[in-house]
């Protein structure tokens, strides 16, 4: 479901603060570095490393808009995980998901937009993702998909256009990612009415993508931005993922009191819950 992705390592051999390299050889050099290292990035999302991140998501299709932030914390071994998905257009629209370390259940806090889904602020459901890596967790899903889109574009010949080594030893990579790769990797799922308006010419247009690695080759930031035009429409995309400080226990909520929790005991109850959530979200499309 999620593309296998991997991190760049070994780009720091160039002189700090200089392009690596520039001119006619840049595209070939940087594409080779992407090829060499994208296949290793999945390791960073399978080791359950402690991290705190923020992902800002902006999508505009003509006058229709998505503007949301996912803040996420992964802490400890085995990890406790928290993701907060909050709309920046409606403060009442949010979903917070918390999985305490080693717990057989996870908890979801419902914003007022979703209050009709349960008689309590929280719902509890069986935790079924324990055997999967981070890319199956909401806090990391989108960045994995973004990196999958980069990989697909590189392999498709669009590739990277520039790499630059910073004085601190970090590396910044600039790539072009097609709208096709962005969609195929499910970075965002467009409603059918919008998908029908996206022509082949529009899908061939690209998003400017910036990937930042620290001196150890660890991903610290990825940003995709661009405006796609055609068929009488304008599509604007601005996705920005980055590390957001050092997590601690203070970042995690307490397990909610049972009186504040509706228990979804089995897969049928969970499926019904998400079907009703889809109905609410569909009304806003």
C-alpha atoms as a PDB file:
ATOM      1  CA  UNK A   1       0.000   0.000   0.000  1.00  0.00           C
ATOM      2  CA  UNK A   2       2.767   2.417   0.942  1.00  0.00           C
ATOM      3  CA  UNK A   3       5.765   2.800  -1.271  1.00  0.00           C
ATOM      4  CA  UNK A   4       9.026   1.523   0.165  1.00  0.00           C
ATOM      5  CA  UNK A   5      11.163   4.585   0.719  1.00  0.00           C
ATOM      6  CA  UNK A   6      14.657   5.272   1.957  1.00  0.00           C
ATOM      7  CA  UNK A   7      16.975   8.017   3.132  1.00  0.00           C
ATOM      8  CA  UNK A   8      19.956   9.634   1.569  1.00  0.00           C
ATOM      9  CA  UNK A   9      23.252   8.927   3.225  1.00  0.00           C
ATOM     10  CA  UNK A  10      26.685   9.765   1.953  1.00  0.00           C
ATOM     11  CA  UNK A  11      25.913  13.102   0.300  1.00  0.00           C
ATOM     12  CA  UNK A  12      28.084  14.890   2.829  1.00  0.00           C
ATOM     13  CA  UNK A  13      31.347  14.150   1.070  1.00  0.00           C
ATOM     14  CA  UNK A  14      31.224  17.427  -0.818  1.00  0.00           C
ATOM     15  CA  UNK A  15      32.703  20.595   0.675  1.00  0.00           C
ATOM     16  CA  UNK A  16      30.275  22.101   3.184  1.00  0.00           C
ATOM     17  CA  UNK A  17      28.237  25.031   1.929  1.00  0.00           C
ATOM     18  CA  UNK A  18      28.729  24.237  -1.749  1.00  0.00           C
ATOM     19  CA  UNK A  19      26.527  22.711  -4.447  1.00  0.00           C
ATOM     20  CA  UNK A  20      27.142  18.979  -4.949  1.00  0.00           C
ATOM     21  CA  UNK A  21      27.665  19.547  -7.868  1.00  0.00           C
ATOM     22  CA  UNK A  22      26.197  22.218 -10.178  1.00  0.00           C
ATOM     23  CA  UNK A  23      25.784  22.798 -13.882  1.00  0.00           C
ATOM     24  CA  UNK A  24      25.241  20.121 -16.518  1.00  0.00           C
ATOM     25  CA  UNK A  25      26.155  17.248 -14.198  1.00  0.00           C
ATOM     26  CA  UNK A  26      23.767  18.223 -11.406  1.00  0.00           C
ATOM     27  CA  UNK A  27      20.726  16.252 -12.539  1.00  0.00           C
ATOM     28  CA  UNK A  28      22.666  13.050 -13.141  1.00  0.00           C
ATOM     29  CA  UNK A  29      24.615  13.368  -9.893  1.00  0.00           C
ATOM     30  CA  UNK A  30      21.639  14.085  -7.665  1.00  0.00           C
ATOM     31  CA  UNK A  31      19.423  11.482  -9.333  1.00  0.00           C
ATOM     32  CA  UNK A  32      22.139   8.912  -8.688  1.00  0.00           C
ATOM     33  CA  UNK A  33      22.255   9.944  -5.034  1.00  0.00           C
ATOM     34  CA  UNK A  34      18.485   9.578  -4.800  1.00  0.00           C
ATOM     35  CA  UNK A  35      18.702   6.125  -6.381  1.00  0.00           C
ATOM     36  CA  UNK A  36      21.476   5.105  -4.002  1.00  0.00           C
ATOM     37  CA  UNK A  37      19.677   6.171  -0.867  1.00  0.00           C
ATOM     38  CA  UNK A  38      15.885   6.190  -1.314  1.00  0.00           C
ATOM     39  CA  UNK A  39      15.930   2.421  -0.905  1.00  0.00           C
ATOM     40  CA  UNK A  40      17.238   2.861   2.650  1.00  0.00           C
ATOM     41  CA  UNK A  41      14.814   5.427   4.032  1.00  0.00           C
ATOM     42  CA  UNK A  42      12.278   2.814   5.074  1.00  0.00           C
ATOM     43  CA  UNK A  43      14.738   1.796   7.810  1.00  0.00           C
ATOM     44  CA  UNK A  44      14.084   5.120   9.527  1.00  0.00           C
ATOM     45  CA  UNK A  45      10.388   4.325   9.711  1.00  0.00           C
ATOM     46  CA  UNK A  46      10.757   0.757  10.948  1.00  0.00           C
ATOM     47  CA  UNK A  47      12.977   1.350  13.975  1.00  0.00           C
ATOM     48  CA  UNK A  48      10.285   3.232  15.943  1.00  0.00           C
ATOM     49  CA  UNK A  49      12.645   6.065  16.797  1.00  0.00           C
ATOM     50  CA  UNK A  50      11.540   8.698  19.275  1.00  0.00           C
ATOM     51  CA  UNK A  51      10.486  11.816  17.370  1.00  0.00           C
ATOM     52  CA  UNK A  52       8.126  14.768  17.406  1.00  0.00           C
ATOM     53  CA  UNK A  53       6.889  16.073  14.064  1.00  0.00           C
ATOM     54  CA  UNK A  54       4.556  18.537  12.406  1.00  0.00           C
ATOM     55  CA  UNK A  55       2.924  18.251   8.992  1.00  0.00           C
ATOM     56  CA  UNK A  56       1.116  21.241   7.488  1.00  0.00           C
ATOM     57  CA  UNK A  57      -1.199  20.364   4.607  1.00  0.00           C
ATOM     58  CA  UNK A  58      -2.748  22.910   2.242  1.00  0.00           C
ATOM     59  CA  UNK A  59      -4.667  21.917  -0.875  1.00  0.00           C
ATOM     60  CA  UNK A  60      -6.787  24.331  -2.897  1.00  0.00           C
ATOM     61  CA  UNK A  61      -8.785  23.381  -5.985  1.00  0.00           C
ATOM     62  CA  UNK A  62     -10.284  26.630  -7.283  1.00  0.00           C
ATOM     63  CA  UNK A  63     -12.311  27.768  -4.246  1.00  0.00           C
ATOM     64  CA  UNK A  64     -12.363  24.441  -2.403  1.00  0.00           C
ATOM     65  CA  UNK A  65      -9.775  24.152   0.339  1.00  0.00           C
ATOM     66  CA  UNK A  66      -8.114  21.743   2.731  1.00  0.00           C
ATOM     67  CA  UNK A  67      -5.907  23.279   5.413  1.00  0.00           C
ATOM     68  CA  UNK A  68      -4.892  21.017   8.285  1.00  0.00           C
ATOM     69  CA  UNK A  69      -1.998  20.238  10.598  1.00  0.00           C
ATOM     70  CA  UNK A  70      -0.988  16.826  11.905  1.00  0.00           C
ATOM     71  CA  UNK A  71       1.263  17.010  14.941  1.00  0.00           C
ATOM     72  CA  UNK A  72       2.671  13.699  16.097  1.00  0.00           C
ATOM     73  CA  UNK A  73       4.719  12.222  18.924  1.00  0.00           C
ATOM     74  CA  UNK A  74       6.401   8.838  19.090  1.00  0.00           C
ATOM     75  CA  UNK A  75       8.110   8.182  22.408  1.00  0.00           C
ATOM     76  CA  UNK A  76       9.837   5.216  24.027  1.00  0.00           C
ATOM     77  CA  UNK A  77      10.553   1.576  23.197  1.00  0.00           C
ATOM     78  CA  UNK A  78       8.056   0.129  22.547  1.00  0.00           C
ATOM     79  CA  UNK A  79       6.608   3.483  21.543  1.00  0.00           C
ATOM     80  CA  UNK A  80       3.602   5.376  22.748  1.00  0.00           C
ATOM     81  CA  UNK A  81       2.095   7.224  19.792  1.00  0.00           C
ATOM     82  CA  UNK A  82      -0.052  10.337  19.554  1.00  0.00           C
ATOM     83  CA  UNK A  83      -1.309  12.067  16.422  1.00  0.00           C
ATOM     84  CA  UNK A  84      -3.418  15.218  16.398  1.00  0.00           C
ATOM     85  CA  UNK A  85      -5.159  15.994  13.109  1.00  0.00           C
ATOM     86  CA  UNK A  86      -6.620  19.505  13.326  1.00  0.00           C
ATOM     87  CA  UNK A  87      -8.277  21.623  10.657  1.00  0.00           C
ATOM     88  CA  UNK A  88      -6.942  25.164  10.353  1.00  0.00           C
ATOM     89  CA  UNK A  89     -10.231  26.285   8.799  1.00  0.00           C
ATOM     90  CA  UNK A  90     -12.597  25.021  11.509  1.00  0.00           C
ATOM     91  CA  UNK A  91     -11.370  24.748  15.101  1.00  0.00           C
ATOM     92  CA  UNK A  92     -14.174  22.259  15.837  1.00  0.00           C
ATOM     93  CA  UNK A  93     -12.853  19.744  13.316  1.00  0.00           C
ATOM     94  CA  UNK A  94     -10.169  17.536  14.820  1.00  0.00           C
ATOM     95  CA  UNK A  95      -9.312  13.937  15.634  1.00  0.00           C
ATOM     96  CA  UNK A  96      -6.637  12.986  18.167  1.00  0.00           C
ATOM     97  CA  UNK A  97      -5.488   9.356  18.275  1.00  0.00           C
ATOM     98  CA  UNK A  98      -3.491   7.993  21.207  1.00  0.00           C
ATOM     99  CA  UNK A  99      -1.955   4.552  21.590  1.00  0.00           C
ATOM    100  CA  UNK A 100      -0.293   3.991  24.977  1.00  0.00           C
ATOM    101  CA  UNK A 101       2.825   1.841  24.826  1.00  0.00           C
ATOM    102  CA  UNK A 102       2.052  -1.890  24.786  1.00  0.00           C
ATOM    103  CA  UNK A 103      -1.694  -1.264  25.035  1.00  0.00           C
ATOM    104  CA  UNK A 104      -4.084  -3.628  23.203  1.00  0.00           C
ATOM    105  CA  UNK A 105      -6.361  -0.638  22.506  1.00  0.00           C
ATOM    106  CA  UNK A 106      -6.081   2.886  21.169  1.00  0.00           C
ATOM    107  CA  UNK A 107      -8.159   5.966  21.926  1.00  0.00           C
ATOM    108  CA  UNK A 108      -9.602   8.650  19.661  1.00  0.00           C
ATOM    109  CA  UNK A 109     -10.722  12.082  20.854  1.00  0.00           C
ATOM    110  CA  UNK A 110     -13.566  13.448  18.728  1.00  0.00           C
ATOM    111  CA  UNK A 111     -13.809  17.138  17.916  1.00  0.00           C
ATOM    112  CA  UNK A 112     -17.285  18.732  17.920  1.00  0.00           C
ATOM    113  CA  UNK A 113     -17.711  18.116  14.178  1.00  0.00           C
ATOM    114  CA  UNK A 114     -17.582  14.387  14.948  1.00  0.00           C
ATOM    115  CA  UNK A 115     -19.543  14.453  18.220  1.00  0.00           C
ATOM    116  CA  UNK A 116     -22.481  12.585  16.678  1.00  0.00           C
ATOM    117  CA  UNK A 117     -20.309   9.486  16.228  1.00  0.00           C
ATOM    118  CA  UNK A 118     -20.376   8.589  19.926  1.00  0.00           C
ATOM    119  CA  UNK A 119     -22.091   9.693  23.161  1.00  0.00           C
ATOM    120  CA  UNK A 120     -18.700  10.392  24.786  1.00  0.00           C
ATOM    121  CA  UNK A 121     -15.704  12.574  23.825  1.00  0.00           C
ATOM    122  CA  UNK A 122     -13.473   9.512  23.394  1.00  0.00           C
ATOM    123  CA  UNK A 123     -13.846   6.192  21.629  1.00  0.00           C
ATOM    124  CA  UNK A 124     -11.730   3.113  22.256  1.00  0.00           C
ATOM    125  CA  UNK A 125     -10.994   0.458  19.662  1.00  0.00           C
ATOM    126  CA  UNK A 126      -8.713  -2.578  19.344  1.00  0.00           C
ATOM    127  CA  UNK A 127      -5.164  -1.691  18.321  1.00  0.00           C
ATOM    128  CA  UNK A 128      -4.422  -3.667  15.170  1.00  0.00           C
ATOM    129  CA  UNK A 129      -1.247  -2.036  13.813  1.00  0.00           C
ATOM    130  CA  UNK A 130       1.316  -3.525  16.160  1.00  0.00           C
ATOM    131  CA  UNK A 131       2.911  -5.691  13.473  1.00  0.00           C
ATOM    132  CA  UNK A 132       3.333  -2.792  11.036  1.00  0.00           C
ATOM    133  CA  UNK A 133       6.040  -0.155  10.813  1.00  0.00           C
ATOM    134  CA  UNK A 134       5.592   3.571  11.311  1.00  0.00           C
ATOM    135  CA  UNK A 135       4.342   4.143   7.789  1.00  0.00           C
ATOM    136  CA  UNK A 136       1.014   2.600   8.808  1.00  0.00           C
ATOM    137  CA  UNK A 137       0.602   5.115  11.645  1.00  0.00           C
ATOM    138  CA  UNK A 138      -1.142   8.412  10.933  1.00  0.00           C
ATOM    139  CA  UNK A 139       1.773  10.353  12.370  1.00  0.00           C
ATOM    140  CA  UNK A 140       4.088   9.057   9.626  1.00  0.00           C
ATOM    141  CA  UNK A 141       1.768   7.889   6.838  1.00  0.00           C
ATOM    142  CA  UNK A 142       1.892  11.062   4.799  1.00  0.00           C
ATOM    143  CA  UNK A 143       5.656  11.582   4.927  1.00  0.00           C
ATOM    144  CA  UNK A 144       6.145   7.978   3.774  1.00  0.00           C
ATOM    145  CA  UNK A 145       3.794   8.650   0.876  1.00  0.00           C
ATOM    146  CA  UNK A 146       5.582  11.901   0.021  1.00  0.00           C
ATOM    147  CA  UNK A 147       8.902  10.073  -0.111  1.00  0.00           C
ATOM    148  CA  UNK A 148       7.300   7.372  -2.236  1.00  0.00           C
ATOM    149  CA  UNK A 149       6.219  10.089  -4.679  1.00  0.00           C
ATOM    150  CA  UNK A 150       9.804  11.396  -4.813  1.00  0.00           C
ATOM    151  CA  UNK A 151      11.088   7.906  -5.524  1.00  0.00           C
ATOM    152  CA  UNK A 152       8.546   7.317  -8.290  1.00  0.00           C
ATOM    153  CA  UNK A 153       9.417  10.618  -9.962  1.00  0.00           C
ATOM    154  CA  UNK A 154      13.152   9.934  -9.769  1.00  0.00           C
ATOM    155  CA  UNK A 155      12.681   6.467 -11.231  1.00  0.00           C
ATOM    156  CA  UNK A 156      10.414   7.948 -13.913  1.00  0.00           C
ATOM    157  CA  UNK A 157      13.158  10.255 -15.131  1.00  0.00           C
ATOM    158  CA  UNK A 158      12.013  13.538 -13.586  1.00  0.00           C
ATOM    159  CA  UNK A 159      14.428  13.167 -10.741  1.00  0.00           C
ATOM    160  CA  UNK A 160      16.235  15.742  -8.718  1.00  0.00           C
ATOM    161  CA  UNK A 161      17.572  19.016 -10.020  1.00  0.00           C
ATOM    162  CA  UNK A 162      19.894  20.243  -7.263  1.00  0.00           C
ATOM    163  CA  UNK A 163      21.694  19.172  -4.114  1.00  0.00           C
ATOM    164  CA  UNK A 164      23.463  21.476  -1.687  1.00  0.00           C
ATOM    165  CA  UNK A 165      25.698  20.688   1.282  1.00  0.00           C
ATOM    166  CA  UNK A 166      25.216  23.068   4.215  1.00  0.00           C
ATOM    167  CA  UNK A 167      27.985  24.356   6.537  1.00  0.00           C
ATOM    168  CA  UNK A 168      26.631  22.221   9.394  1.00  0.00           C
ATOM    169  CA  UNK A 169      26.965  19.062   7.298  1.00  0.00           C
ATOM    170  CA  UNK A 170      23.287  18.756   6.443  1.00  0.00           C
ATOM    171  CA  UNK A 171      22.199  18.257   2.844  1.00  0.00           C
ATOM    172  CA  UNK A 172      19.309  19.883   0.989  1.00  0.00           C
ATOM    173  CA  UNK A 173      17.943  18.142  -2.094  1.00  0.00           C
ATOM    174  CA  UNK A 174      15.632  19.741  -4.628  1.00  0.00           C
ATOM    175  CA  UNK A 175      13.462  17.501  -6.780  1.00  0.00           C
ATOM    176  CA  UNK A 176      10.522  17.734  -9.147  1.00  0.00           C
ATOM    177  CA  UNK A 177       7.596  15.442  -8.340  1.00  0.00           C
ATOM    178  CA  UNK A 178       4.805  14.963 -10.842  1.00  0.00           C
ATOM    179  CA  UNK A 179       1.194  15.362  -9.808  1.00  0.00           C
ATOM    180  CA  UNK A 180       0.753  11.799 -11.080  1.00  0.00           C
ATOM    181  CA  UNK A 181       3.267  10.501  -8.530  1.00  0.00           C
ATOM    182  CA  UNK A 182       1.657  12.620  -5.809  1.00  0.00           C
ATOM    183  CA  UNK A 183      -1.754  11.107  -6.578  1.00  0.00           C
ATOM    184  CA  UNK A 184      -0.571   7.541  -7.207  1.00  0.00           C
ATOM    185  CA  UNK A 185       1.121   7.478  -3.802  1.00  0.00           C
ATOM    186  CA  UNK A 186      -2.115   8.663  -2.187  1.00  0.00           C
ATOM    187  CA  UNK A 187      -0.504  11.686  -0.564  1.00  0.00           C
ATOM    188  CA  UNK A 188      -3.957  13.204  -0.842  1.00  0.00           C
ATOM    189  CA  UNK A 189      -7.170  11.542  -1.995  1.00  0.00           C
ATOM    190  CA  UNK A 190      -9.242  13.823  -4.179  1.00  0.00           C
ATOM    191  CA  UNK A 191     -13.037  13.508  -4.314  1.00  0.00           C
ATOM    192  CA  UNK A 192     -14.287  11.935  -7.534  1.00  0.00           C
ATOM    193  CA  UNK A 193     -15.623  15.262  -8.812  1.00  0.00           C
ATOM    194  CA  UNK A 194     -12.157  16.836  -8.595  1.00  0.00           C
ATOM    195  CA  UNK A 195     -10.322  13.777  -9.926  1.00  0.00           C
ATOM    196  CA  UNK A 196     -12.511  13.884 -13.021  1.00  0.00           C
ATOM    197  CA  UNK A 197     -11.263  17.407 -13.791  1.00  0.00           C
ATOM    198  CA  UNK A 198      -7.553  16.563 -13.603  1.00  0.00           C
ATOM    199  CA  UNK A 199      -6.299  16.074 -17.150  1.00  0.00           C
ATOM    200  CA  UNK A 200      -3.217  14.164 -18.283  1.00  0.00           C
ATOM    201  CA  UNK A 201      -1.524  17.488 -19.015  1.00  0.00           C
ATOM    202  CA  UNK A 202      -2.188  18.655 -15.461  1.00  0.00           C
ATOM    203  CA  UNK A 203      -0.929  15.390 -13.970  1.00  0.00           C
ATOM    204  CA  UNK A 204       2.339  15.750 -15.895  1.00  0.00           C
ATOM    205  CA  UNK A 205       3.076  19.074 -14.190  1.00  0.00           C
ATOM    206  CA  UNK A 206       5.405  19.031 -11.203  1.00  0.00           C
ATOM    207  CA  UNK A 207       5.640  20.091  -7.578  1.00  0.00           C
ATOM    208  CA  UNK A 208       8.886  21.593  -6.322  1.00  0.00           C
ATOM    209  CA  UNK A 209      10.155  19.332  -3.562  1.00  0.00           C
ATOM    210  CA  UNK A 210      12.779  20.016  -0.924  1.00  0.00           C
ATOM    211  CA  UNK A 211      14.261  17.203   1.201  1.00  0.00           C
ATOM    212  CA  UNK A 212      16.577  18.054   4.106  1.00  0.00           C
ATOM    213  CA  UNK A 213      18.866  15.523   5.796  1.00  0.00           C
ATOM    214  CA  UNK A 214      20.932  16.134   8.912  1.00  0.00           C
ATOM    215  CA  UNK A 215      24.684  15.345   9.001  1.00  0.00           C
ATOM    216  CA  UNK A 216      23.862  11.736   9.967  1.00  0.00           C
ATOM    217  CA  UNK A 217      21.614  11.306   6.929  1.00  0.00           C
ATOM    218  CA  UNK A 218      18.392  11.480   8.945  1.00  0.00           C
ATOM    219  CA  UNK A 219      15.329  13.082   7.407  1.00  0.00           C
ATOM    220  CA  UNK A 220      14.500  16.369   9.130  1.00  0.00           C
ATOM    221  CA  UNK A 221      12.222  18.045   6.604  1.00  0.00           C
ATOM    222  CA  UNK A 222      10.367  17.519   3.336  1.00  0.00           C
ATOM    223  CA  UNK A 223       8.306  20.122   1.534  1.00  0.00           C
ATOM    224  CA  UNK A 224       6.223  19.908  -1.658  1.00  0.00           C
ATOM    225  CA  UNK A 225       4.746  23.035  -3.217  1.00  0.00           C
ATOM    226  CA  UNK A 226       3.312  24.077  -6.540  1.00  0.00           C
ATOM    227  CA  UNK A 227       0.409  25.320  -8.621  1.00  0.00           C
ATOM    228  CA  UNK A 228      -1.077  23.084 -11.289  1.00  0.00           C
ATOM    229  CA  UNK A 229      -3.203  24.711 -13.980  1.00  0.00           C
ATOM    230  CA  UNK A 230      -5.324  23.420 -16.833  1.00  0.00           C
ATOM    231  CA  UNK A 231      -8.852  22.571 -17.944  1.00  0.00           C
ATOM    232  CA  UNK A 232      -9.996  25.928 -16.546  1.00  0.00           C
ATOM    233  CA  UNK A 233      -8.862  25.056 -13.016  1.00  0.00           C
ATOM    234  CA  UNK A 234      -6.059  25.857 -10.603  1.00  0.00           C
ATOM    235  CA  UNK A 235      -4.769  23.353  -8.056  1.00  0.00           C
ATOM    236  CA  UNK A 236      -2.451  24.604  -5.316  1.00  0.00           C
ATOM    237  CA  UNK A 237      -0.524  22.189  -3.088  1.00  0.00           C
ATOM    238  CA  UNK A 238       1.681  23.019  -0.104  1.00  0.00           C
ATOM    239  CA  UNK A 239       2.785  20.134   2.138  1.00  0.00           C
ATOM    240  CA  UNK A 240       5.486  20.671   4.755  1.00  0.00           C
ATOM    241  CA  UNK A 241       6.749  17.948   7.133  1.00  0.00           C
ATOM    242  CA  UNK A 242       9.458  18.659   9.697  1.00  0.00           C
ATOM    243  CA  UNK A 243      10.857  17.630  13.039  1.00  0.00           C
ATOM    244  CA  UNK A 244       9.374  19.727  15.833  1.00  0.00           C
ATOM    245  CA  UNK A 245      11.624  19.507  18.859  1.00  0.00           C
ATOM    246  CA  UNK A 246      12.302  16.808  21.429  1.00  0.00           C
ATOM    247  CA  UNK A 247       9.297  14.820  22.691  1.00  0.00           C
ATOM    248  CA  UNK A 248       8.677  14.032  26.344  1.00  0.00           C
ATOM    249  CA  UNK A 249       5.992  12.465  28.517  1.00  0.00           C
ATOM    250  CA  UNK A 250       4.425  15.918  28.843  1.00  0.00           C
ATOM    251  CA  UNK A 251       3.403  15.691  25.175  1.00  0.00           C
ATOM    252  CA  UNK A 252       1.249  12.604  25.798  1.00  0.00           C
ATOM    253  CA  UNK A 253      -2.286  12.686  27.237  1.00  0.00           C
ATOM    254  CA  UNK A 254      -3.467  10.665  30.187  1.00  0.00           C
ATOM    255  CA  UNK A 255      -5.565   7.591  29.473  1.00  0.00           C
ATOM    256  CA  UNK A 256      -9.144   8.906  29.541  1.00  0.00           C
ATOM    257  CA  UNK A 257     -11.505   8.036  32.348  1.00  0.00           C
ATOM    258  CA  UNK A 258     -13.770   5.092  31.371  1.00  0.00           C
ATOM    259  CA  UNK A 259     -16.841   7.290  31.848  1.00  0.00           C
ATOM    260  CA  UNK A 260     -15.596   9.442  28.949  1.00  0.00           C
ATOM    261  CA  UNK A 261     -15.023   6.523  26.583  1.00  0.00           C
ATOM    262  CA  UNK A 262     -17.296   4.623  24.188  1.00  0.00           C
ATOM    263  CA  UNK A 263     -15.888   1.155  23.538  1.00  0.00           C
ATOM    264  CA  UNK A 264     -15.909  -0.189  19.970  1.00  0.00           C
ATOM    265  CA  UNK A 265     -15.408  -3.804  20.884  1.00  0.00           C
ATOM    266  CA  UNK A 266     -15.010  -5.527  17.522  1.00  0.00           C
ATOM    267  CA  UNK A 267     -14.200  -4.994  13.852  1.00  0.00           C
ATOM    268  CA  UNK A 268     -17.859  -4.588  12.909  1.00  0.00           C
ATOM    269  CA  UNK A 269     -18.304  -1.714  15.365  1.00  0.00           C
ATOM    270  CA  UNK A 270     -15.083  -0.099  14.150  1.00  0.00           C
ATOM    271  CA  UNK A 271     -16.126  -0.434  10.498  1.00  0.00           C
ATOM    272  CA  UNK A 272     -19.504   1.162  11.235  1.00  0.00           C
ATOM    273  CA  UNK A 273     -17.787   3.995  13.112  1.00  0.00           C
ATOM    274  CA  UNK A 274     -15.480   4.799  10.207  1.00  0.00           C
ATOM    275  CA  UNK A 275     -18.305   4.529   7.673  1.00  0.00           C
ATOM    276  CA  UNK A 276     -20.233   7.170   9.599  1.00  0.00           C
ATOM    277  CA  UNK A 277     -17.087   9.301   9.854  1.00  0.00           C
ATOM    278  CA  UNK A 278     -16.678   9.091   6.073  1.00  0.00           C
ATOM    279  CA  UNK A 279     -20.249  10.354   5.690  1.00  0.00           C
ATOM    280  CA  UNK A 280     -19.463  13.413   7.821  1.00  0.00           C
ATOM    281  CA  UNK A 281     -16.233  14.128   5.958  1.00  0.00           C
ATOM    282  CA  UNK A 282     -17.964  13.632   2.620  1.00  0.00           C
ATOM    283  CA  UNK A 283     -20.448  16.374   3.439  1.00  0.00           C
ATOM    284  CA  UNK A 284     -17.615  18.890   3.456  1.00  0.00           C
ATOM    285  CA  UNK A 285     -16.270  17.953   0.042  1.00  0.00           C
END
